[in-house]
């Protein structure tokens, strides 16, 4: 079989790394194989495995951060509650683009949503000792399960693929009935499927969260990036869909990494609903001197983890929020290129016999965005990911995200304009090699 990359190069590297099942290879392992194979072969890889922003950081944020540093802010510790300016702008941002009211005190800066989810898990799992398990609506971000593994916390998970619409409520409730679920976690838009839960589905989740007293941790890492709708006009619908309209038990994770391409500074906010922020849980009160949920999160968990979030990065995020709210900065216009890339990439894969695994949001075609999923007839996830390496294409398997479907996650962030032709040529060879 003639392939652009010699089979022996890839197979030796996989064996050298000790990867027994390529379906379970981590992002970093896949990247290492691709990087080394690229060096040894001299042939450029089309790298679709890493979910890292591929656009310049928002200029308004960079300028604000530089100004803050020049004015000497680096000399002092940040408040674990966050700077008043960022808290105010985060509250306004949520009102402008989500359409819900959250007081500034409940908008707490974190070192990226990664720290936000870690601290959220700590707080939620300690709130009620009878509820010691987290429920994931998968597929999702693998590191969040690693965070629970580090904390020694149990979790349950199910693949949402066969449980959309009315089926979702029945499935979620089957876990909540057990009585031990403290939190429900999902991303919307979804990493990796790019499916988007509807307002009806979110309403169901919210109702069940209230009924069974569970906290919803809504990961909005890809804020307003469902490009089928323009959610970037402040204080006007359509708004970013959210469970916050349907329950008081919610925490919204809003990241600066993707929508603002500000990943390197590790900045985001966790926005805790007003009632949850002030709620007193008996177990938290006994453990943390009687303080309410939101203060435990900020003044106990975050204080112990990092003693606050970078002062200058907070100024950057506040400036980006403010510019977006004032209509001076259309963040959607900068990141919608991801959707354009996805459209072109999908066309190439589909033309050569691949399929889109997660292909619909109920009765709507899936949006084009930061991620999408592909499969190939007759091939398992591991087989497909391994063999695409021979064609200089790297991607991760869906099994690593909690999906039960056979296929791969494709990230659009690093595709170069010259690589569409490369992919077309290589997938033509792939298809020819797989003709029956």
Protein backbone atom coordinates (compact mmCIF):
# COMPACT_ATOMS: atom_id res chain seq x y z
CA UNK A 1 0.00 0.00 0.00
CA UNK A 2 1.52 3.30 -1.13
CA UNK A 3 1.20 6.07 1.48
CA UNK A 4 2.77 9.54 1.87
CA UNK A 5 4.47 8.56 5.17
CA UNK A 6 6.26 5.23 5.38
CA UNK A 7 4.29 2.81 7.48
CA UNK A 8 7.45 1.69 9.28
CA UNK A 9 8.14 5.19 10.63
CA UNK A 10 4.72 5.53 12.26
CA UNK A 11 4.56 1.97 13.58
CA UNK A 12 8.02 2.22 15.15
CA UNK A 13 7.15 5.49 16.90
CA UNK A 14 3.90 4.08 18.30
CA UNK A 15 5.73 0.99 19.55
CA UNK A 16 8.52 3.12 21.01
CA UNK A 17 6.00 5.16 23.03
CA UNK A 18 4.43 1.97 24.34
CA UNK A 19 0.96 2.75 22.97
CA UNK A 20 -0.81 -0.61 22.93
CA UNK A 21 -4.20 0.66 21.81
CA UNK A 22 -4.10 3.74 19.56
CA UNK A 23 -7.81 4.33 20.23
CA UNK A 24 -6.82 5.33 23.78
CA UNK A 25 -3.79 7.45 22.84
CA UNK A 26 -3.87 10.85 24.52
CA UNK A 27 -3.71 14.14 22.64
CA UNK A 28 -0.09 14.62 23.70
CA UNK A 29 0.86 11.12 22.54
CA UNK A 30 -0.79 11.60 19.15
CA UNK A 31 0.94 14.96 18.80
CA UNK A 32 4.32 13.46 19.69
CA UNK A 33 3.96 10.73 17.06
CA UNK A 34 2.93 13.31 14.46
CA UNK A 35 5.74 15.74 15.32
CA UNK A 36 8.43 13.05 15.24
CA UNK A 37 7.10 11.40 12.07
CA UNK A 38 7.10 14.82 10.42
CA UNK A 39 10.76 15.35 11.35
CA UNK A 40 11.85 11.88 10.24
CA UNK A 41 9.94 11.90 6.96
CA UNK A 42 10.37 15.54 6.02
CA UNK A 43 6.68 15.61 5.08
CA UNK A 44 4.37 18.17 6.67
CA UNK A 45 1.58 16.74 8.84
CA UNK A 46 -1.96 18.08 8.79
CA UNK A 47 -2.45 18.36 12.54
CA UNK A 48 -6.06 18.12 13.59
CA UNK A 49 -5.59 16.78 17.12
CA UNK A 50 -4.89 19.83 19.30
CA UNK A 51 -7.72 22.06 20.54
CA UNK A 52 -5.56 25.18 20.74
CA UNK A 53 -6.65 28.55 19.31
CA UNK A 54 -5.02 29.27 16.00
CA UNK A 55 -5.76 33.00 15.83
CA UNK A 56 -4.00 36.06 17.27
CA UNK A 57 -5.05 37.15 20.75
CA UNK A 58 -7.65 39.91 20.86
CA UNK A 59 -5.78 43.19 20.51
CA UNK A 60 -8.00 45.06 22.97
CA UNK A 61 -7.00 42.59 25.67
CA UNK A 62 -3.29 42.71 24.88
CA UNK A 63 -3.22 46.51 25.05
CA UNK A 64 -5.08 46.58 28.37
CA UNK A 65 -2.79 43.98 29.89
CA UNK A 66 0.35 45.80 28.78
CA UNK A 67 -1.00 49.06 30.19
CA UNK A 68 -1.75 47.41 33.53
CA UNK A 69 1.75 45.96 33.73
CA UNK A 70 3.35 49.27 32.82
CA UNK A 71 1.39 50.91 35.61
CA UNK A 72 2.94 48.49 38.10
CA UNK A 73 0.10 46.13 38.90
CA UNK A 74 2.40 43.09 38.98
CA UNK A 75 3.81 44.11 42.38
CA UNK A 76 0.66 43.27 44.37
CA UNK A 77 -1.34 40.15 45.05
CA UNK A 78 -4.76 39.97 43.38
CA UNK A 79 -7.88 39.59 45.50
CA UNK A 80 -9.16 36.00 45.32
CA UNK A 81 -12.64 37.43 44.73
CA UNK A 82 -11.34 39.19 41.62
CA UNK A 83 -10.86 42.78 40.58
CA UNK A 84 -14.01 44.93 40.92
CA UNK A 85 -13.69 46.03 37.29
CA UNK A 86 -13.64 42.49 35.90
CA UNK A 87 -16.45 41.36 38.18
CA UNK A 88 -18.63 44.27 37.02
CA UNK A 89 -17.86 43.68 33.33
CA UNK A 90 -18.36 39.92 33.64
CA UNK A 91 -21.81 40.54 35.14
CA UNK A 92 -22.64 42.92 32.29
CA UNK A 93 -21.25 40.46 29.71
CA UNK A 94 -23.52 37.68 30.97
CA UNK A 95 -26.50 40.03 30.83
CA UNK A 96 -25.58 41.24 27.32
CA UNK A 97 -24.88 37.86 25.68
CA UNK A 98 -26.55 35.23 27.86
CA UNK A 99 -29.56 37.31 28.85
CA UNK A 100 -29.52 36.45 32.56
CA UNK A 101 -28.75 38.49 35.66
CA UNK A 102 -25.81 37.46 37.86
CA UNK A 103 -24.50 39.87 40.48
CA UNK A 104 -20.85 40.95 40.15
CA UNK A 105 -19.98 39.21 43.43
CA UNK A 106 -20.82 35.86 41.83
CA UNK A 107 -18.50 36.43 38.86
CA UNK A 108 -15.14 35.10 40.03
CA UNK A 109 -11.96 35.12 37.89
CA UNK A 110 -10.04 31.87 37.55
CA UNK A 111 -6.81 30.75 35.90
CA UNK A 112 -8.72 29.49 32.87
CA UNK A 113 -11.79 27.28 32.88
CA UNK A 114 -9.49 24.37 33.72
CA UNK A 115 -8.98 25.81 37.21
CA UNK A 116 -12.61 26.86 37.25
CA UNK A 117 -13.83 23.29 36.80
CA UNK A 118 -11.30 21.91 39.32
CA UNK A 119 -12.44 24.36 42.02
CA UNK A 120 -16.10 23.80 41.07
CA UNK A 121 -15.70 20.05 41.51
CA UNK A 122 -14.05 20.55 44.91
CA UNK A 123 -16.87 22.78 46.11
CA UNK A 124 -19.77 20.76 44.71
CA UNK A 125 -18.50 17.39 45.94
CA UNK A 126 -18.05 18.72 49.49
CA UNK A 127 -21.41 20.50 49.72
CA UNK A 128 -23.41 17.42 50.72
CA UNK A 129 -21.63 14.31 51.95
CA UNK A 130 -24.47 12.10 50.69
CA UNK A 131 -23.82 13.28 47.13
CA UNK A 132 -20.37 12.09 46.16
CA UNK A 133 -20.66 11.56 42.40
CA UNK A 134 -20.52 13.80 39.30
CA UNK A 135 -22.54 13.10 36.14
CA UNK A 136 -21.05 13.89 32.72
CA UNK A 137 -23.19 14.31 29.63
CA UNK A 138 -20.59 13.05 27.17
CA UNK A 139 -18.70 13.38 24.93
CA UNK A 140 -16.63 15.96 26.73
CA UNK A 141 -13.26 17.33 27.78
CA UNK A 142 -11.16 14.35 29.02
CA UNK A 143 -9.15 16.40 31.52
CA UNK A 144 -12.25 17.08 33.64
CA UNK A 145 -12.46 13.36 34.44
CA UNK A 146 -8.75 13.41 35.23
CA UNK A 147 -9.44 16.23 37.69
CA UNK A 148 -11.95 14.03 39.50
CA UNK A 149 -9.51 11.13 39.44
CA UNK A 150 -6.93 13.39 41.13
CA UNK A 151 -9.53 14.41 43.72
CA UNK A 152 -10.59 10.83 44.32
CA UNK A 153 -14.18 11.56 43.29
CA UNK A 154 -16.51 9.13 41.56
CA UNK A 155 -18.30 9.97 38.32
CA UNK A 156 -20.94 8.58 36.00
CA UNK A 157 -21.21 9.36 32.28
CA UNK A 158 -23.30 8.61 29.23
CA UNK A 159 -22.94 9.37 25.52
CA UNK A 160 -25.64 11.84 24.47
CA UNK A 161 -25.62 10.45 20.89
CA UNK A 162 -28.78 8.35 21.36
CA UNK A 163 -30.42 10.53 24.02
CA UNK A 164 -31.37 13.84 22.44
CA UNK A 165 -34.70 15.59 22.84
CA UNK A 166 -37.23 13.93 25.14
CA UNK A 167 -34.89 10.99 25.72
CA UNK A 168 -32.35 13.25 27.44
CA UNK A 169 -34.53 13.94 30.47
CA UNK A 170 -35.28 10.27 31.01
CA UNK A 171 -31.59 9.39 30.81
CA UNK A 172 -30.41 12.16 33.16
CA UNK A 173 -33.13 11.34 35.68
CA UNK A 174 -32.12 7.67 35.72
CA UNK A 175 -28.84 8.79 37.32
CA UNK A 176 -30.30 11.49 39.56
CA UNK A 177 -32.77 9.02 41.08
CA UNK A 178 -29.82 7.22 42.68
CA UNK A 179 -29.54 10.19 45.06
CA UNK A 180 -25.75 10.57 44.95
CA UNK A 181 -25.25 13.01 42.05
CA UNK A 182 -23.96 16.38 43.23
CA UNK A 183 -23.25 17.97 39.84
CA UNK A 184 -24.08 17.64 36.14
CA UNK A 185 -21.39 18.65 33.62
CA UNK A 186 -21.52 19.30 29.88
CA UNK A 187 -20.09 21.69 27.29
CA UNK A 188 -22.32 23.71 24.95
CA UNK A 189 -21.32 23.85 22.08
CA UNK A 190 -19.94 20.40 22.68
CA UNK A 191 -16.29 19.43 22.59
CA UNK A 192 -15.80 17.30 20.45
CA UNK A 193 -19.14 16.71 18.72
CA UNK A 194 -20.09 20.39 18.26
CA UNK A 195 -23.67 19.47 19.01
CA UNK A 196 -25.63 22.18 20.85
CA UNK A 197 -28.21 21.40 23.49
CA UNK A 198 -31.49 23.17 22.75
CA UNK A 199 -33.43 25.44 25.10
CA UNK A 200 -35.95 22.61 25.60
CA UNK A 201 -33.18 20.19 26.59
CA UNK A 202 -31.60 22.77 28.89
CA UNK A 203 -35.01 23.41 30.44
CA UNK A 204 -35.31 19.72 31.22
CA UNK A 205 -31.83 19.60 32.76
CA UNK A 206 -32.62 22.67 34.84
CA UNK A 207 -35.91 21.26 36.08
CA UNK A 208 -34.24 18.00 37.10
CA UNK A 209 -31.34 19.83 38.76
CA UNK A 210 -33.84 21.69 40.94
CA UNK A 211 -35.93 18.59 41.64
CA UNK A 212 -32.95 16.47 42.70
CA UNK A 213 -30.87 19.35 44.14
CA UNK A 214 -27.87 18.93 41.83
CA UNK A 215 -25.62 21.73 40.60
CA UNK A 216 -25.18 22.21 36.86
CA UNK A 217 -21.64 23.09 35.75
CA UNK A 218 -22.13 24.50 32.26
CA UNK A 219 -18.86 24.73 30.34
CA UNK A 220 -19.14 27.59 27.84
CA UNK A 221 -15.58 27.31 26.54
CA UNK A 222 -16.86 27.94 22.99
CA UNK A 223 -19.07 30.85 23.94
CA UNK A 224 -21.51 31.95 21.20
CA UNK A 225 -19.61 29.86 18.63
CA UNK A 226 -22.69 28.11 17.24
CA UNK A 227 -22.31 30.01 13.98
CA UNK A 228 -25.81 29.14 12.78
CA UNK A 229 -26.94 32.07 14.93
CA UNK A 230 -25.37 35.48 15.51
CA UNK A 231 -25.21 35.72 19.29
CA UNK A 232 -22.69 38.57 19.31
CA UNK A 233 -25.08 41.55 19.36
CA UNK A 234 -25.22 42.79 22.98
CA UNK A 235 -28.56 42.88 24.80
CA UNK A 236 -30.39 41.39 21.80
CA UNK A 237 -31.55 37.83 21.19
CA UNK A 238 -30.57 35.26 20.16
CA UNK A 239 -28.57 34.72 23.34
CA UNK A 240 -26.12 31.97 24.23
CA UNK A 241 -28.36 29.05 25.31
CA UNK A 242 -28.02 28.28 29.02
CA UNK A 243 -29.46 26.24 31.84
CA UNK A 244 -29.36 29.42 33.97
CA UNK A 245 -32.83 30.31 32.72
CA UNK A 246 -34.28 27.15 34.23
CA UNK A 247 -32.68 26.57 37.64
CA UNK A 248 -30.97 28.47 40.44
CA UNK A 249 -28.37 25.69 40.81
CA UNK A 250 -25.80 26.65 38.19
CA UNK A 251 -22.19 27.64 37.59
CA UNK A 252 -21.20 29.02 34.16
CA UNK A 253 -17.60 28.56 33.05
CA UNK A 254 -16.71 31.36 30.62
CA UNK A 255 -13.22 31.13 29.14
CA UNK A 256 -11.04 33.73 27.50
CA UNK A 257 -9.21 31.04 25.54
CA UNK A 258 -11.36 30.34 22.48
CA UNK A 259 -13.80 33.22 21.91
CA UNK A 260 -11.04 35.78 22.59
CA UNK A 261 -8.01 33.64 21.57
CA UNK A 262 -6.45 34.47 24.96
CA UNK A 263 -5.47 30.94 25.97
CA UNK A 264 -1.90 31.68 26.98
CA UNK A 265 -2.77 33.97 29.87
CA UNK A 266 -5.02 31.39 31.59
CA UNK A 267 -7.97 33.64 32.27
CA UNK A 268 -11.68 33.02 32.62
CA UNK A 269 -14.58 33.56 35.00
CA UNK A 270 -16.89 31.25 36.88
CA UNK A 271 -20.31 32.88 37.18
CA UNK A 272 -22.32 31.46 40.07
CA UNK A 273 -26.06 32.06 40.23
CA UNK A 274 -27.06 34.50 42.97
CA UNK A 275 -29.05 32.02 45.06
CA UNK A 276 -26.39 29.32 44.83
CA UNK A 277 -23.65 31.83 45.69
CA UNK A 278 -25.39 32.70 48.98
CA UNK A 279 -26.62 29.22 49.80
CA UNK A 280 -25.47 27.63 53.03
CA UNK A 281 -24.83 23.89 52.88
CA UNK A 282 -24.56 22.20 56.27
CA UNK A 283 -21.47 20.21 55.34
CA UNK A 284 -19.67 23.22 53.84
CA UNK A 285 -20.59 25.35 56.85
CA UNK A 286 -19.20 22.77 59.25
CA UNK A 287 -15.98 22.49 57.28
CA UNK A 288 -15.41 26.15 56.36
CA UNK A 289 -16.56 28.29 59.29
CA UNK A 290 -20.15 28.77 58.19
CA UNK A 291 -19.46 30.65 54.95
CA UNK A 292 -21.81 30.23 51.95
CA UNK A 293 -21.16 28.25 48.77
CA UNK A 294 -19.76 31.10 46.66
CA UNK A 295 -17.35 32.28 49.33
CA UNK A 296 -16.10 28.73 49.87
CA UNK A 297 -15.43 28.59 46.13
CA UNK A 298 -13.47 31.87 45.98
CA UNK A 299 -11.97 32.39 49.44
CA UNK A 300 -11.19 28.77 50.26
CA UNK A 301 -10.76 26.71 47.10
CA UNK A 302 -9.23 29.33 44.80
CA UNK A 303 -7.17 30.82 47.60
CA UNK A 304 -5.63 27.41 48.35
CA UNK A 305 -5.08 26.61 44.66
CA UNK A 306 -3.43 29.80 43.39
CA UNK A 307 -4.12 32.70 45.78
CA UNK A 308 -5.98 34.49 43.02
CA UNK A 309 -5.77 35.07 39.29
CA UNK A 310 -3.16 37.13 37.40
CA UNK A 311 -3.90 40.83 37.91
CA UNK A 312 -2.91 41.90 34.42
CA UNK A 313 -4.87 39.09 32.74
CA UNK A 314 -7.95 40.23 34.66
CA UNK A 315 -7.50 43.70 33.14
CA UNK A 316 -7.26 42.10 29.69
CA UNK A 317 -10.48 40.11 30.10
CA UNK A 318 -12.32 43.10 31.58
CA UNK A 319 -11.31 45.18 28.56
CA UNK A 320 -12.45 42.48 26.12
CA UNK A 321 -15.79 42.09 27.89
CA UNK A 322 -16.30 45.86 27.98
CA UNK A 323 -15.46 46.33 24.29
CA UNK A 324 -17.82 43.49 23.32
CA UNK A 325 -20.65 44.89 25.46
CA UNK A 326 -20.18 48.37 23.99
CA UNK A 327 -20.27 47.01 20.44
CA UNK A 328 -16.67 48.07 19.78
CA UNK A 329 -15.37 44.51 19.44
CA UNK A 330 -17.26 41.80 17.54
CA UNK A 331 -15.51 38.70 18.89
CA UNK A 332 -17.66 36.42 16.73
CA UNK A 333 -16.36 38.04 13.56
CA UNK A 334 -12.81 37.05 14.47
CA UNK A 335 -13.47 33.42 15.36
CA UNK A 336 -16.07 32.52 12.72
CA UNK A 337 -13.17 31.48 10.49
CA UNK A 338 -13.24 28.19 12.41
CA UNK A 339 -16.67 27.49 10.96
CA UNK A 340 -15.44 28.30 7.45
CA UNK A 341 -12.52 25.91 7.90
CA UNK A 342 -14.79 23.16 9.19
CA UNK A 343 -17.05 23.51 6.14
CA UNK A 344 -14.12 23.07 3.74
CA UNK A 345 -12.60 20.19 5.69
CA UNK A 346 -15.90 18.34 5.92
CA UNK A 347 -16.38 18.61 2.15
CA UNK A 348 -13.00 16.98 1.55
CA UNK A 349 -13.56 14.10 3.96
CA UNK A 350 -17.10 13.46 2.73
CA UNK A 351 -15.95 13.48 -0.89
CA UNK A 352 -13.59 10.60 -0.13
CA UNK A 353 -15.96 8.26 1.68
CA UNK A 354 -15.85 9.49 5.27
CA UNK A 355 -18.96 10.30 7.30
CA UNK A 356 -19.74 12.86 9.98
CA UNK A 357 -20.38 10.90 13.19
CA UNK A 358 -22.32 13.50 15.19
CA UNK A 359 -24.12 15.07 12.24
CA UNK A 360 -27.39 16.57 13.53
CA UNK A 361 -28.88 18.61 16.36
CA UNK A 362 -32.22 16.81 16.44
CA UNK A 363 -33.87 18.05 13.20
CA UNK A 364 -31.17 20.64 12.37
CA UNK A 365 -27.90 20.07 10.50
CA UNK A 366 -24.89 20.41 12.77
CA UNK A 367 -23.14 23.76 12.92
CA UNK A 368 -19.66 24.20 11.45
CA UNK A 369 -17.22 25.23 14.15
CA UNK A 370 -14.07 24.57 16.13
CA UNK A 371 -14.53 20.77 16.08
CA UNK A 372 -16.32 18.08 14.13
CA UNK A 373 -16.22 14.28 14.08
CA UNK A 374 -15.45 11.80 11.29
CA UNK A 375 -15.64 8.05 10.79
CA UNK A 376 -14.88 5.64 7.96
CA UNK A 377 -16.95 2.55 7.05
CA UNK A 378 -15.55 -0.69 8.43
CA UNK A 379 -12.85 0.92 10.54
CA UNK A 380 -12.69 1.32 14.31
CA UNK A 381 -11.52 4.57 15.88
CA UNK A 382 -8.07 3.20 16.67
CA UNK A 383 -7.61 1.70 13.20
CA UNK A 384 -8.62 4.93 11.51
CA UNK A 385 -6.46 7.21 13.67
CA UNK A 386 -3.47 4.89 13.27
CA UNK A 387 -3.81 4.57 9.52
CA UNK A 388 -4.38 8.29 8.90
CA UNK A 389 -0.91 8.80 10.39
CA UNK A 390 0.44 7.07 7.26
CA UNK A 391 -1.17 9.89 5.27
CA UNK A 392 0.27 12.65 7.43
CA UNK A 393 -3.02 13.40 9.22
CA UNK A 394 -3.29 13.33 13.02
CA UNK A 395 -6.49 13.33 15.12
CA UNK A 396 -7.69 11.85 18.41
CA UNK A 397 -10.20 9.06 18.90
CA UNK A 398 -13.68 9.80 20.22
CA UNK A 399 -13.37 7.12 22.90
CA UNK A 400 -10.99 9.40 24.81
CA UNK A 401 -13.80 11.98 25.12
CA UNK A 402 -16.34 9.55 26.57
CA UNK A 403 -18.06 8.86 23.25
CA UNK A 404 -19.20 5.34 22.42
CA UNK A 405 -19.10 6.03 18.68
CA UNK A 406 -16.38 4.86 16.31
CA UNK A 407 -14.63 7.92 14.92
CA UNK A 408 -12.22 10.79 15.41
CA UNK A 409 -12.32 14.38 16.60
CA UNK A 410 -11.11 16.93 14.08
CA UNK A 411 -10.00 20.38 15.29
CA UNK A 412 -9.95 23.20 12.74
CA UNK A 413 -7.70 25.62 14.61
CA UNK A 414 -4.34 24.92 12.95
CA UNK A 415 -5.28 24.18 9.35
CA UNK A 416 -3.30 26.34 6.92
CA UNK A 417 -4.70 27.57 3.62
CA UNK A 418 -2.18 25.48 1.68
CA UNK A 419 -3.24 22.32 3.53
CA UNK A 420 -6.67 21.92 1.97
CA UNK A 421 -5.01 20.83 -1.27
CA UNK A 422 -2.68 18.54 0.68
CA UNK A 423 -5.62 16.93 2.44
CA UNK A 424 -7.52 16.54 -0.83
CA UNK A 425 -4.57 14.73 -2.41
CA UNK A 426 -3.90 12.51 0.58
CA UNK A 427 -7.53 11.50 1.10
CA UNK A 428 -7.76 10.67 -2.61
CA UNK A 429 -4.89 8.22 -2.07
CA UNK A 430 -6.58 6.93 1.10
CA UNK A 431 -9.83 6.32 -0.80
CA UNK A 432 -7.99 4.59 -3.66
CA UNK A 433 -6.22 2.31 -1.19
CA UNK A 434 -9.55 1.35 0.37
CA UNK A 435 -11.55 0.63 -2.77
CA UNK A 436 -13.05 -2.83 -2.56
